[in-house]
Amino acid sequence: MSLPEIVSREQWRAAREELRCREESARREREALGAERRRLPMVEVDPEYLFEGGDGKATLLDLFEGRSQLVVHHFMFAPEWVTGCPCCAAFLDQVGHLAHLRARDTSFAAVSRAPFTRILPFKARMGWAVPWYSSAPGDFNDDFEATVRDAGKPVERPGLSCFLRDRDRVFHTYSVYGADLDELGTTAALLDLTALGRRPAGSEALRLHDEYDF
């Protein structure tokens, strides 16, 4: 394996400063993209999707748990699989404590096509507390392109979809799939995908996850 070049501290500082300028430019571009993402139009979700979770049957509106926003992790877990996708599991492992999302009026849930009876033991094995629902046998995965067709056969793909609630109306605001998930997973990155963004803004709004008022 090739190792980095060995230089003096002064040379390192100069190289680091040059890179810092590029990183700052990339950060500003990410912020501009986030603002543009929040200006995207949205589409109302008309079908009455039904899911199965730990408390039985649930609608898409139920997945919001009374909050304004919902981020759905399309976790690859086909009905015939014994366990879920290792890459999706690694993604879910890195998602932080959900209290930080919930304090910003945003819920998070995983959704898969596998039956809940298969999801439940895998979830217990992984030690996850995140809400996880089965979308089988409905069309949710197909409609939000988490399951696509190749020569007529269903193929799973990982993704995230964001939804916004206005009373009892639900709107789809954003989706992202595949390799574009690689730099996502933190609370801030997930909020940046949503229509309302990081509200309230600023690190002063952060608390220890057991100190939020809910």
N, C-alpha and C. Protein backbone atom coordinates (compact mmCIF):
# COMPACT_ATOMS: atom_id res chain seq x y z
N MET A 1 0.84 -1.19 0.00
CA MET A 1 0.00 0.00 0.00
C MET A 1 0.88 1.25 0.00
N SER A 2 0.57 2.20 -0.87
CA SER A 2 1.33 3.45 -0.95
C SER A 2 0.93 4.37 0.19
N LEU A 3 1.93 4.87 0.93
CA LEU A 3 1.67 5.78 2.05
C LEU A 3 1.84 7.23 1.62
N PRO A 4 1.23 8.19 2.36
CA PRO A 4 1.40 9.61 2.02
C PRO A 4 2.87 10.02 2.09
N GLU A 5 3.19 11.06 1.35
CA GLU A 5 4.54 11.62 1.35
C GLU A 5 4.88 12.21 2.72
N ILE A 6 6.12 12.05 3.16
CA ILE A 6 6.57 12.62 4.42
C ILE A 6 7.15 14.00 4.13
N VAL A 7 6.64 15.03 4.84
CA VAL A 7 7.08 16.41 4.63
C VAL A 7 7.32 17.08 5.97
N SER A 8 7.79 18.31 5.94
CA SER A 8 7.96 19.09 7.16
C SER A 8 6.60 19.61 7.64
N ARG A 9 6.55 20.08 8.89
CA ARG A 9 5.31 20.63 9.44
C ARG A 9 4.85 21.84 8.62
N GLU A 10 5.78 22.68 8.18
CA GLU A 10 5.44 23.87 7.38
C GLU A 10 4.83 23.46 6.04
N GLN A 11 5.41 22.46 5.40
CA GLN A 11 4.86 21.99 4.12
C GLN A 11 3.47 21.39 4.32
N TRP A 12 3.30 20.67 5.44
CA TRP A 12 1.99 20.08 5.72
C TRP A 12 0.95 21.17 5.91
N ARG A 13 1.30 22.24 6.67
CA ARG A 13 0.35 23.33 6.92
C ARG A 13 -0.05 24.00 5.61
N ALA A 14 0.90 24.20 4.70
CA ALA A 14 0.59 24.84 3.42
C ALA A 14 -0.36 23.97 2.60
N ALA A 15 -0.07 22.66 2.55
CA ALA A 15 -0.94 21.75 1.80
C ALA A 15 -2.32 21.66 2.44
N ARG A 16 -2.36 21.65 3.78
CA ARG A 16 -3.64 21.58 4.48
C ARG A 16 -4.47 22.83 4.23
N GLU A 17 -3.85 23.99 4.20
CA GLU A 17 -4.57 25.23 3.95
C GLU A 17 -5.16 25.26 2.55
N GLU A 18 -4.39 24.75 1.58
CA GLU A 18 -4.90 24.70 0.20
C GLU A 18 -6.13 23.79 0.13
N LEU A 19 -6.05 22.65 0.81
CA LEU A 19 -7.20 21.74 0.82
C LEU A 19 -8.37 22.33 1.58
N ARG A 20 -8.10 23.07 2.66
CA ARG A 20 -9.17 23.68 3.45
C ARG A 20 -10.01 24.64 2.60
N CYS A 21 -9.34 25.39 1.72
CA CYS A 21 -10.06 26.31 0.83
C CYS A 21 -11.00 25.55 -0.08
N ARG A 22 -10.57 24.41 -0.59
CA ARG A 22 -11.44 23.59 -1.44
C ARG A 22 -12.58 22.99 -0.63
N GLU A 23 -12.29 22.58 0.60
CA GLU A 23 -13.34 22.03 1.47
C GLU A 23 -14.39 23.09 1.79
N GLU A 24 -13.95 24.31 2.01
CA GLU A 24 -14.88 25.40 2.29
C GLU A 24 -15.78 25.66 1.09
N SER A 25 -15.19 25.60 -0.11
CA SER A 25 -15.98 25.77 -1.33
C SER A 25 -17.01 24.65 -1.48
N ALA A 26 -16.59 23.42 -1.17
CA ALA A 26 -17.51 22.28 -1.25
C ALA A 26 -18.63 22.42 -0.23
N ARG A 27 -18.31 22.92 0.97
CA ARG A 27 -19.34 23.12 1.99
C ARG A 27 -20.38 24.13 1.54
N ARG A 28 -19.92 25.24 0.94
CA ARG A 28 -20.86 26.25 0.46
C ARG A 28 -21.75 25.68 -0.64
N GLU A 29 -21.17 24.84 -1.50
CA GLU A 29 -21.96 24.21 -2.56
C GLU A 29 -23.00 23.26 -1.97
N ARG A 30 -22.62 22.51 -0.92
CA ARG A 30 -23.59 21.62 -0.27
C ARG A 30 -24.73 22.42 0.34
N GLU A 31 -24.41 23.57 0.95
CA GLU A 31 -25.45 24.41 1.54
C GLU A 31 -26.39 24.96 0.47
N ALA A 32 -25.81 25.33 -0.69
CA ALA A 32 -26.63 25.84 -1.80
C ALA A 32 -27.53 24.73 -2.34
N LEU A 33 -26.99 23.51 -2.44
CA LEU A 33 -27.81 22.38 -2.90
C LEU A 33 -28.92 22.08 -1.91
N GLY A 34 -28.61 22.19 -0.60
CA GLY A 34 -29.63 21.96 0.41
C GLY A 34 -30.77 22.96 0.30
N ALA A 35 -30.43 24.22 0.07
CA ALA A 35 -31.46 25.25 -0.09
C ALA A 35 -32.30 24.98 -1.33
N GLU A 36 -31.66 24.54 -2.39
CA GLU A 36 -32.40 24.21 -3.62
C GLU A 36 -33.27 22.99 -3.41
N ARG A 37 -32.77 22.02 -2.65
CA ARG A 37 -33.56 20.83 -2.34
C ARG A 37 -34.82 21.19 -1.58
N ARG A 38 -34.72 22.14 -0.65
CA ARG A 38 -35.89 22.55 0.13
C ARG A 38 -36.91 23.31 -0.71
N ARG A 39 -36.47 23.80 -1.87
CA ARG A 39 -37.40 24.51 -2.77
C ARG A 39 -38.05 23.57 -3.78
N LEU A 40 -37.70 22.29 -3.75
CA LEU A 40 -38.32 21.34 -4.68
C LEU A 40 -39.84 21.30 -4.45
N PRO A 41 -40.60 21.13 -5.52
CA PRO A 41 -42.05 20.94 -5.34
C PRO A 41 -42.31 19.59 -4.67
N MET A 42 -43.52 19.37 -4.22
CA MET A 42 -43.87 18.10 -3.60
C MET A 42 -45.14 17.55 -4.25
N VAL A 43 -45.36 16.25 -4.06
CA VAL A 43 -46.52 15.60 -4.66
C VAL A 43 -47.31 14.90 -3.57
N GLU A 44 -48.62 15.05 -3.62
CA GLU A 44 -49.46 14.42 -2.59
C GLU A 44 -49.48 12.90 -2.79
N VAL A 45 -49.43 12.19 -1.67
CA VAL A 45 -49.48 10.73 -1.69
C VAL A 45 -50.93 10.32 -1.51
N ASP A 46 -51.51 9.80 -2.58
CA ASP A 46 -52.94 9.45 -2.56
C ASP A 46 -53.24 8.04 -2.06
N PRO A 47 -52.46 7.02 -2.48
CA PRO A 47 -52.81 5.66 -2.04
C PRO A 47 -52.76 5.50 -0.53
N GLU A 48 -53.62 4.68 -0.01
CA GLU A 48 -53.66 4.40 1.43
C GLU A 48 -52.78 3.17 1.69
N TYR A 49 -51.48 3.38 1.76
CA TYR A 49 -50.56 2.28 2.00
C TYR A 49 -50.76 1.72 3.40
N LEU A 50 -50.64 0.39 3.50
CA LEU A 50 -50.73 -0.27 4.79
C LEU A 50 -49.42 -0.99 5.08
N PHE A 51 -48.95 -0.87 6.32
CA PHE A 51 -47.71 -1.50 6.76
C PHE A 51 -48.02 -2.34 7.99
N GLU A 52 -47.09 -3.23 8.31
CA GLU A 52 -47.20 -4.00 9.55
C GLU A 52 -45.96 -3.74 10.39
N GLY A 53 -46.19 -3.37 11.65
CA GLY A 53 -45.09 -3.08 12.56
C GLY A 53 -45.32 -3.70 13.92
N GLY A 54 -44.59 -3.23 14.91
CA GLY A 54 -44.68 -3.81 16.23
C GLY A 54 -46.04 -3.66 16.88
N ASP A 55 -46.81 -2.65 16.47
CA ASP A 55 -48.14 -2.43 17.04
C ASP A 55 -49.25 -2.84 16.08
N GLY A 56 -48.92 -3.68 15.10
CA GLY A 56 -49.92 -4.15 14.15
C GLY A 56 -49.94 -3.31 12.88
N LYS A 57 -51.11 -3.17 12.29
CA LYS A 57 -51.24 -2.45 11.02
C LYS A 57 -51.07 -0.94 11.22
N ALA A 58 -50.48 -0.30 10.22
CA ALA A 58 -50.25 1.14 10.30
C ALA A 58 -50.34 1.73 8.90
N THR A 59 -50.77 2.98 8.81
CA THR A 59 -50.78 3.71 7.55
C THR A 59 -49.50 4.54 7.45
N LEU A 60 -49.29 5.13 6.29
CA LEU A 60 -48.14 6.01 6.13
C LEU A 60 -48.23 7.19 7.10
N LEU A 61 -49.45 7.69 7.30
CA LEU A 61 -49.65 8.78 8.25
C LEU A 61 -49.26 8.36 9.67
N ASP A 62 -49.52 7.11 10.03
CA ASP A 62 -49.16 6.60 11.35
C ASP A 62 -47.65 6.62 11.56
N LEU A 63 -46.89 6.40 10.49
CA LEU A 63 -45.43 6.33 10.60
C LEU A 63 -44.83 7.68 11.03
N PHE A 64 -45.57 8.78 10.81
CA PHE A 64 -45.11 10.10 11.25
C PHE A 64 -45.10 10.22 12.78
N GLU A 65 -45.89 9.40 13.47
CA GLU A 65 -46.00 9.45 14.93
C GLU A 65 -46.37 10.85 15.42
N GLY A 66 -47.20 11.55 14.63
CA GLY A 66 -47.68 12.88 15.00
C GLY A 66 -46.74 14.02 14.64
N ARG A 67 -45.59 13.72 14.06
CA ARG A 67 -44.63 14.78 13.70
C ARG A 67 -44.89 15.27 12.28
N SER A 68 -44.22 16.37 11.92
CA SER A 68 -44.46 17.00 10.62
C SER A 68 -43.73 16.31 9.47
N GLN A 69 -42.60 15.68 9.78
CA GLN A 69 -41.80 15.08 8.71
C GLN A 69 -41.49 13.62 9.02
N LEU A 70 -41.21 12.88 7.94
CA LEU A 70 -40.87 11.47 8.06
C LEU A 70 -39.77 11.14 7.06
N VAL A 71 -38.71 10.48 7.54
CA VAL A 71 -37.67 9.96 6.67
C VAL A 71 -37.78 8.44 6.70
N VAL A 72 -37.98 7.84 5.53
CA VAL A 72 -38.09 6.39 5.41
C VAL A 72 -36.80 5.83 4.82
N HIS A 73 -36.22 4.86 5.52
CA HIS A 73 -35.07 4.13 5.00
C HIS A 73 -35.59 2.90 4.27
N HIS A 74 -35.40 2.86 2.95
CA HIS A 74 -35.78 1.69 2.17
C HIS A 74 -34.71 0.62 2.38
N PHE A 75 -34.93 -0.23 3.37
CA PHE A 75 -33.98 -1.26 3.77
C PHE A 75 -34.19 -2.49 2.89
N MET A 76 -33.15 -2.89 2.17
CA MET A 76 -33.25 -4.02 1.26
C MET A 76 -33.42 -5.34 2.04
N PHE A 77 -34.60 -5.89 1.96
CA PHE A 77 -34.91 -7.15 2.65
C PHE A 77 -36.10 -7.76 1.90
N ALA A 78 -35.79 -8.57 0.89
CA ALA A 78 -36.83 -9.18 0.06
C ALA A 78 -37.56 -10.27 0.84
N PRO A 79 -38.80 -10.59 0.46
CA PRO A 79 -39.59 -11.57 1.21
C PRO A 79 -38.92 -12.94 1.34
N GLU A 80 -38.12 -13.32 0.34
CA GLU A 80 -37.51 -14.66 0.36
C GLU A 80 -36.17 -14.69 1.08
N TRP A 81 -35.64 -13.54 1.49
CA TRP A 81 -34.33 -13.50 2.16
C TRP A 81 -34.46 -13.91 3.62
N VAL A 82 -33.39 -14.53 4.14
CA VAL A 82 -33.36 -14.93 5.54
C VAL A 82 -32.96 -13.76 6.43
N THR A 83 -32.02 -12.93 5.95
CA THR A 83 -31.58 -11.75 6.68
C THR A 83 -31.60 -10.53 5.75
N GLY A 84 -31.50 -9.34 6.35
CA GLY A 84 -31.48 -8.12 5.57
C GLY A 84 -30.13 -7.88 4.93
N CYS A 85 -30.08 -6.89 4.05
CA CYS A 85 -28.87 -6.53 3.31
C CYS A 85 -27.79 -6.03 4.27
N PRO A 86 -26.54 -6.56 4.18
CA PRO A 86 -25.46 -6.09 5.05
C PRO A 86 -25.13 -4.61 4.86
N CYS A 87 -25.20 -4.10 3.62
CA CYS A 87 -24.92 -2.68 3.38
C CYS A 87 -25.98 -1.80 4.03
N CYS A 88 -27.24 -2.20 3.93
CA CYS A 88 -28.30 -1.44 4.58
C CYS A 88 -28.16 -1.52 6.10
N ALA A 89 -27.72 -2.67 6.60
CA ALA A 89 -27.51 -2.82 8.04
C ALA A 89 -26.39 -1.89 8.50
N ALA A 90 -25.32 -1.79 7.71
CA ALA A 90 -24.23 -0.89 8.07
C ALA A 90 -24.71 0.56 8.08
N PHE A 91 -25.58 0.91 7.12
CA PHE A 91 -26.13 2.27 7.10
C PHE A 91 -26.95 2.52 8.36
N LEU A 92 -27.82 1.57 8.71
CA LEU A 92 -28.68 1.77 9.87
C LEU A 92 -27.87 1.79 11.16
N ASP A 93 -26.76 1.06 11.20
CA ASP A 93 -25.89 1.08 12.37
C ASP A 93 -25.37 2.49 12.67
N GLN A 94 -25.17 3.29 11.62
CA GLN A 94 -24.56 4.60 11.82
C GLN A 94 -25.57 5.71 12.09
N VAL A 95 -26.85 5.42 11.96
CA VAL A 95 -27.87 6.43 12.25
C VAL A 95 -27.86 6.72 13.75
N GLY A 96 -27.77 7.98 14.11
CA GLY A 96 -27.64 8.37 15.52
C GLY A 96 -28.93 8.19 16.31
N HIS A 97 -28.90 8.64 17.55
CA HIS A 97 -30.07 8.53 18.43
C HIS A 97 -31.22 9.33 17.82
N LEU A 98 -32.38 8.69 17.70
CA LEU A 98 -33.52 9.32 17.02
C LEU A 98 -34.09 10.51 17.77
N ALA A 99 -33.72 10.69 19.03
CA ALA A 99 -34.22 11.84 19.79
C ALA A 99 -33.85 13.15 19.11
N HIS A 100 -32.67 13.19 18.46
CA HIS A 100 -32.23 14.44 17.83
C HIS A 100 -33.10 14.78 16.61
N LEU A 101 -33.55 13.76 15.88
CA LEU A 101 -34.49 13.99 14.77
C LEU A 101 -35.87 14.36 15.31
N ARG A 102 -36.31 13.62 16.30
CA ARG A 102 -37.66 13.84 16.84
C ARG A 102 -37.80 15.22 17.45
N ALA A 103 -36.72 15.74 18.04
CA ALA A 103 -36.76 17.08 18.60
C ALA A 103 -36.93 18.13 17.51
N ARG A 104 -36.64 17.75 16.29
CA ARG A 104 -36.80 18.65 15.14
C ARG A 104 -38.02 18.26 14.31
N ASP A 105 -39.02 17.65 15.01
CA ASP A 105 -40.33 17.37 14.42
C ASP A 105 -40.23 16.40 13.25
N THR A 106 -39.26 15.46 13.32
CA THR A 106 -39.03 14.53 12.23
C THR A 106 -38.93 13.10 12.76
N SER A 107 -39.69 12.20 12.16
CA SER A 107 -39.65 10.78 12.51
C SER A 107 -38.79 10.02 11.50
N PHE A 108 -38.32 8.86 11.92
CA PHE A 108 -37.49 8.00 11.06
C PHE A 108 -38.01 6.58 11.20
N ALA A 109 -38.09 5.87 10.06
CA ALA A 109 -38.53 4.48 10.09
C ALA A 109 -37.88 3.72 8.94
N ALA A 110 -37.61 2.45 9.16
CA ALA A 110 -37.15 1.56 8.10
C ALA A 110 -38.37 0.82 7.54
N VAL A 111 -38.34 0.58 6.23
CA VAL A 111 -39.43 -0.15 5.57
C VAL A 111 -38.81 -1.17 4.63
N SER A 112 -39.32 -2.41 4.67
CA SER A 112 -38.83 -3.48 3.80
C SER A 112 -40.00 -4.31 3.28
N ARG A 113 -39.75 -5.07 2.20
CA ARG A 113 -40.80 -5.93 1.66
C ARG A 113 -40.92 -7.25 2.42
N ALA A 114 -39.92 -7.60 3.21
CA ALA A 114 -39.98 -8.86 3.96
C ALA A 114 -41.15 -8.83 4.93
N PRO A 115 -41.75 -9.98 5.22
CA PRO A 115 -42.83 -10.00 6.22
C PRO A 115 -42.29 -9.60 7.59
N PHE A 116 -43.15 -9.02 8.41
CA PHE A 116 -42.69 -8.53 9.70
C PHE A 116 -42.20 -9.68 10.58
N THR A 117 -42.74 -10.87 10.39
CA THR A 117 -42.29 -12.02 11.17
C THR A 117 -40.84 -12.37 10.89
N ARG A 118 -40.32 -11.95 9.74
CA ARG A 118 -38.91 -12.16 9.42
C ARG A 118 -38.07 -10.95 9.84
N ILE A 119 -38.66 -9.76 9.75
CA ILE A 119 -37.95 -8.54 10.16
C ILE A 119 -37.67 -8.57 11.66
N LEU A 120 -38.65 -9.00 12.45
CA LEU A 120 -38.57 -8.89 13.91
C LEU A 120 -37.35 -9.62 14.49
N PRO A 121 -37.10 -10.89 14.13
CA PRO A 121 -35.92 -11.55 14.71
C PRO A 121 -34.60 -10.94 14.23
N PHE A 122 -34.56 -10.47 12.99
CA PHE A 122 -33.33 -9.83 12.49
C PHE A 122 -33.09 -8.51 13.22
N LYS A 123 -34.14 -7.75 13.45
CA LYS A 123 -34.03 -6.49 14.19
C LYS A 123 -33.52 -6.76 15.61
N ALA A 124 -34.03 -7.81 16.25
CA ALA A 124 -33.58 -8.16 17.59
C ALA A 124 -32.12 -8.59 17.58
N ARG A 125 -31.74 -9.36 16.58
CA ARG A 125 -30.34 -9.79 16.45
C ARG A 125 -29.39 -8.60 16.34
N MET A 126 -29.80 -7.58 15.58
CA MET A 126 -28.96 -6.41 15.36
C MET A 126 -29.02 -5.42 16.53
N GLY A 127 -29.99 -5.60 17.44
CA GLY A 127 -30.09 -4.73 18.60
C GLY A 127 -30.61 -3.34 18.29
N TRP A 128 -31.44 -3.22 17.24
CA TRP A 128 -31.96 -1.92 16.84
C TRP A 128 -33.29 -1.62 17.52
N ALA A 129 -33.48 -0.35 17.88
CA ALA A 129 -34.75 0.10 18.43
C ALA A 129 -35.54 0.93 17.43
N VAL A 130 -34.95 1.20 16.26
CA VAL A 130 -35.59 2.04 15.26
C VAL A 130 -36.91 1.41 14.79
N PRO A 131 -37.97 2.20 14.60
CA PRO A 131 -39.22 1.64 14.06
C PRO A 131 -38.97 1.01 12.69
N TRP A 132 -39.52 -0.19 12.48
CA TRP A 132 -39.28 -0.91 11.23
C TRP A 132 -40.60 -1.58 10.84
N TYR A 133 -40.97 -1.40 9.58
CA TYR A 133 -42.26 -1.88 9.10
C TYR A 133 -42.10 -2.73 7.85
N SER A 134 -43.02 -3.66 7.70
CA SER A 134 -43.13 -4.43 6.45
C SER A 134 -44.15 -3.76 5.55
N SER A 135 -43.76 -3.58 4.28
CA SER A 135 -44.69 -2.99 3.30
C SER A 135 -45.44 -4.05 2.51
N ALA A 136 -45.12 -5.33 2.74
CA ALA A 136 -45.78 -6.42 2.01
C ALA A 136 -47.24 -6.53 2.44
N PRO A 137 -48.11 -6.85 1.51
CA PRO A 137 -47.87 -7.12 0.08
C PRO A 137 -48.21 -5.93 -0.81
N GLY A 138 -48.14 -4.72 -0.28
CA GLY A 138 -48.57 -3.54 -1.01
C GLY A 138 -47.57 -3.04 -2.04
N ASP A 139 -47.87 -1.88 -2.61
CA ASP A 139 -47.07 -1.32 -3.71
C ASP A 139 -46.12 -0.20 -3.26
N PHE A 140 -45.96 -0.01 -1.97
CA PHE A 140 -45.16 1.12 -1.49
C PHE A 140 -43.74 1.10 -2.08
N ASN A 141 -43.07 -0.04 -2.00
CA ASN A 141 -41.68 -0.13 -2.51
C ASN A 141 -41.62 0.15 -4.00
N ASP A 142 -42.57 -0.38 -4.75
CA ASP A 142 -42.58 -0.14 -6.20
C ASP A 142 -42.86 1.32 -6.51
N ASP A 143 -43.82 1.89 -5.83
CA ASP A 143 -44.22 3.27 -6.13
C ASP A 143 -43.11 4.26 -5.81
N PHE A 144 -42.28 3.94 -4.80
CA PHE A 144 -41.19 4.85 -4.43
C PHE A 144 -39.84 4.32 -4.88
N GLU A 145 -39.87 3.41 -5.85
CA GLU A 145 -38.70 2.95 -6.61
C GLU A 145 -37.62 2.33 -5.74
N ALA A 146 -38.02 1.76 -4.59
CA ALA A 146 -37.09 0.99 -3.79
C ALA A 146 -37.02 -0.45 -4.28
N THR A 147 -38.04 -0.85 -5.02
CA THR A 147 -38.03 -2.12 -5.75
C THR A 147 -38.28 -1.81 -7.21
N VAL A 148 -37.33 -2.20 -8.06
CA VAL A 148 -37.46 -1.97 -9.49
C VAL A 148 -37.52 -3.32 -10.20
N ARG A 149 -37.85 -3.29 -11.46
CA ARG A 149 -38.02 -4.54 -12.23
C ARG A 149 -36.89 -4.71 -13.23
N ASP A 150 -36.32 -5.90 -13.25
CA ASP A 150 -35.30 -6.28 -14.23
C ASP A 150 -35.76 -7.55 -14.90
N ALA A 151 -36.13 -7.42 -16.18
CA ALA A 151 -36.70 -8.55 -16.92
C ALA A 151 -37.92 -9.12 -16.18
N GLY A 152 -38.69 -8.22 -15.59
CA GLY A 152 -39.91 -8.61 -14.91
C GLY A 152 -39.72 -9.07 -13.48
N LYS A 153 -38.46 -9.22 -13.03
CA LYS A 153 -38.20 -9.70 -11.68
C LYS A 153 -37.92 -8.52 -10.74
N PRO A 154 -38.44 -8.58 -9.52
CA PRO A 154 -38.21 -7.48 -8.57
C PRO A 154 -36.76 -7.46 -8.09
N VAL A 155 -36.18 -6.28 -8.08
CA VAL A 155 -34.81 -6.08 -7.61
C VAL A 155 -34.84 -4.99 -6.55
N GLU A 156 -34.27 -5.27 -5.38
CA GLU A 156 -34.25 -4.29 -4.30
C GLU A 156 -33.12 -3.28 -4.51
N ARG A 157 -33.35 -2.05 -4.05
CA ARG A 157 -32.25 -1.08 -4.01
C ARG A 157 -32.43 -0.19 -2.79
N PRO A 158 -31.32 0.17 -2.16
CA PRO A 158 -31.39 0.98 -0.95
C PRO A 158 -31.76 2.41 -1.26
N GLY A 159 -32.41 3.06 -0.34
CA GLY A 159 -32.76 4.46 -0.57
C GLY A 159 -33.33 5.11 0.67
N LEU A 160 -33.57 6.41 0.55
CA LEU A 160 -34.25 7.20 1.57
C LEU A 160 -35.33 8.01 0.88
N SER A 161 -36.50 8.09 1.47
CA SER A 161 -37.56 8.95 0.97
C SER A 161 -38.06 9.83 2.10
N CYS A 162 -38.32 11.10 1.76
CA CYS A 162 -38.77 12.08 2.75
C CYS A 162 -40.21 12.49 2.47
N PHE A 163 -40.97 12.63 3.55
CA PHE A 163 -42.38 12.99 3.45
C PHE A 163 -42.69 14.13 4.42
N LEU A 164 -43.68 14.91 4.04
CA LEU A 164 -44.14 16.05 4.84
C LEU A 164 -45.63 15.90 5.08
N ARG A 165 -46.06 16.22 6.30
CA ARG A 165 -47.48 16.08 6.66
C ARG A 165 -48.10 17.44 6.88
N ASP A 166 -49.28 17.63 6.30
CA ASP A 166 -50.09 18.81 6.57
C ASP A 166 -51.43 18.31 7.08
N ARG A 167 -51.57 18.26 8.41
CA ARG A 167 -52.72 17.63 9.06
C ARG A 167 -52.82 16.18 8.59
N ASP A 168 -53.86 15.79 7.88
CA ASP A 168 -54.00 14.40 7.45
C ASP A 168 -53.55 14.17 6.01
N ARG A 169 -52.97 15.18 5.39
CA ARG A 169 -52.46 15.03 4.02
C ARG A 169 -50.97 14.76 4.07
N VAL A 170 -50.51 13.82 3.25
CA VAL A 170 -49.09 13.43 3.21
C VAL A 170 -48.53 13.75 1.84
N PHE A 171 -47.32 14.31 1.84
CA PHE A 171 -46.66 14.71 0.59
C PHE A 171 -45.25 14.10 0.52
N HIS A 172 -44.90 13.66 -0.67
CA HIS A 172 -43.56 13.14 -0.94
C HIS A 172 -42.71 14.31 -1.42
N THR A 173 -41.57 14.55 -0.73
CA THR A 173 -40.75 15.71 -1.06
C THR A 173 -39.41 15.36 -1.69
N TYR A 174 -38.85 14.17 -1.39
CA TYR A 174 -37.50 13.88 -1.88
C TYR A 174 -37.20 12.39 -1.75
N SER A 175 -36.37 11.87 -2.65
CA SER A 175 -35.85 10.50 -2.54
C SER A 175 -34.43 10.46 -3.07
N VAL A 176 -33.64 9.52 -2.54
CA VAL A 176 -32.26 9.33 -2.97
C VAL A 176 -31.95 7.84 -2.86
N TYR A 177 -31.10 7.32 -3.75
CA TYR A 177 -30.89 5.88 -3.82
C TYR A 177 -29.42 5.52 -4.01
N GLY A 178 -29.11 4.26 -3.72
CA GLY A 178 -27.83 3.68 -4.07
C GLY A 178 -26.63 4.35 -3.43
N ALA A 179 -25.60 4.57 -4.26
CA ALA A 179 -24.34 5.12 -3.78
C ALA A 179 -24.48 6.52 -3.20
N ASP A 180 -25.57 7.22 -3.54
CA ASP A 180 -25.77 8.58 -3.01
C ASP A 180 -26.05 8.57 -1.51
N LEU A 181 -26.24 7.39 -0.92
CA LEU A 181 -26.44 7.30 0.53
C LEU A 181 -25.12 7.28 1.29
N ASP A 182 -24.00 7.15 0.57
CA ASP A 182 -22.71 6.90 1.23
C ASP A 182 -22.34 7.96 2.25
N GLU A 183 -22.68 9.22 2.02
CA GLU A 183 -22.29 10.29 2.94
C GLU A 183 -23.45 10.73 3.83
N LEU A 184 -24.49 9.92 3.90
CA LEU A 184 -25.66 10.25 4.71
C LEU A 184 -25.69 9.39 5.97
N GLY A 185 -26.62 9.64 6.86
CA GLY A 185 -26.79 8.83 8.05
C GLY A 185 -26.78 9.62 9.34
N THR A 186 -26.05 10.75 9.37
CA THR A 186 -26.05 11.57 10.58
C THR A 186 -27.37 12.35 10.67
N THR A 187 -27.67 12.84 11.86
CA THR A 187 -28.89 13.63 12.05
C THR A 187 -28.91 14.83 11.11
N ALA A 188 -27.79 15.56 11.03
CA ALA A 188 -27.74 16.75 10.18
C ALA A 188 -27.93 16.39 8.71
N ALA A 189 -27.28 15.32 8.25
CA ALA A 189 -27.38 14.92 6.85
C ALA A 189 -28.80 14.49 6.50
N LEU A 190 -29.47 13.79 7.42
CA LEU A 190 -30.85 13.37 7.16
C LEU A 190 -31.78 14.58 7.12
N LEU A 191 -31.61 15.52 8.05
CA LEU A 191 -32.44 16.72 8.05
C LEU A 191 -32.23 17.54 6.79
N ASP A 192 -31.01 17.54 6.26
CA ASP A 192 -30.73 18.29 5.04
C ASP A 192 -31.48 17.75 3.83
N LEU A 193 -32.00 16.53 3.93
CA LEU A 193 -32.78 15.96 2.83
C LEU A 193 -34.25 16.37 2.89
N THR A 194 -34.67 16.91 4.02
CA THR A 194 -36.09 17.18 4.23
C THR A 194 -36.49 18.57 3.76
N ALA A 195 -37.79 18.75 3.61
CA ALA A 195 -38.31 20.03 3.13
C ALA A 195 -38.12 21.16 4.13
N LEU A 196 -38.10 20.84 5.42
CA LEU A 196 -37.98 21.87 6.45
C LEU A 196 -36.56 22.05 6.95
N GLY A 197 -35.66 21.15 6.57
CA GLY A 197 -34.25 21.31 6.90
C GLY A 197 -33.95 21.19 8.38
N ARG A 198 -32.83 21.83 8.79
CA ARG A 198 -32.35 21.73 10.17
C ARG A 198 -33.02 22.79 11.06
N ARG A 199 -34.21 22.54 11.48
CA ARG A 199 -34.83 23.51 12.38
C ARG A 199 -35.06 22.89 13.74
N PRO A 200 -34.84 23.59 14.85
CA PRO A 200 -34.24 24.91 14.87
C PRO A 200 -32.78 24.86 14.47
N ALA A 201 -32.26 25.96 13.94
CA ALA A 201 -30.92 25.97 13.39
C ALA A 201 -29.89 26.20 14.48
N GLY A 202 -28.68 25.69 14.23
CA GLY A 202 -27.57 25.99 15.11
C GLY A 202 -27.32 24.95 16.17
N SER A 203 -26.06 24.81 16.57
CA SER A 203 -25.69 23.81 17.56
C SER A 203 -26.27 24.12 18.94
N GLU A 204 -26.68 25.39 19.18
CA GLU A 204 -27.24 25.74 20.48
C GLU A 204 -28.56 25.02 20.72
N ALA A 205 -29.19 24.51 19.65
CA ALA A 205 -30.46 23.80 19.80
C ALA A 205 -30.24 22.35 20.21
N LEU A 206 -29.02 21.84 20.10
CA LEU A 206 -28.75 20.46 20.44
C LEU A 206 -28.71 20.28 21.96
N ARG A 207 -29.18 19.11 22.39
CA ARG A 207 -29.14 18.76 23.81
C ARG A 207 -28.66 17.32 23.94
N LEU A 208 -28.37 16.89 25.16
CA LEU A 208 -28.15 15.47 25.40
C LEU A 208 -29.46 14.76 25.06
N HIS A 209 -29.35 13.55 24.48
CA HIS A 209 -30.56 12.95 23.92
C HIS A 209 -31.62 12.61 24.97
N ASP A 210 -31.25 12.60 26.26
CA ASP A 210 -32.25 12.34 27.30
C ASP A 210 -32.77 13.63 27.95
N GLU A 211 -32.43 14.78 27.36
CA GLU A 211 -32.84 16.05 27.94
C GLU A 211 -33.88 16.80 27.10
N TYR A 212 -34.32 16.21 26.00
CA TYR A 212 -35.35 16.87 25.19
C TYR A 212 -36.69 16.82 25.92
N ASP A 213 -37.53 17.80 25.64
CA ASP A 213 -38.81 17.93 26.34
C ASP A 213 -39.91 17.14 25.64
N PHE A 214 -39.73 15.84 25.53
CA PHE A 214 -40.81 14.98 25.02
C PHE A 214 -40.62 13.57 25.55
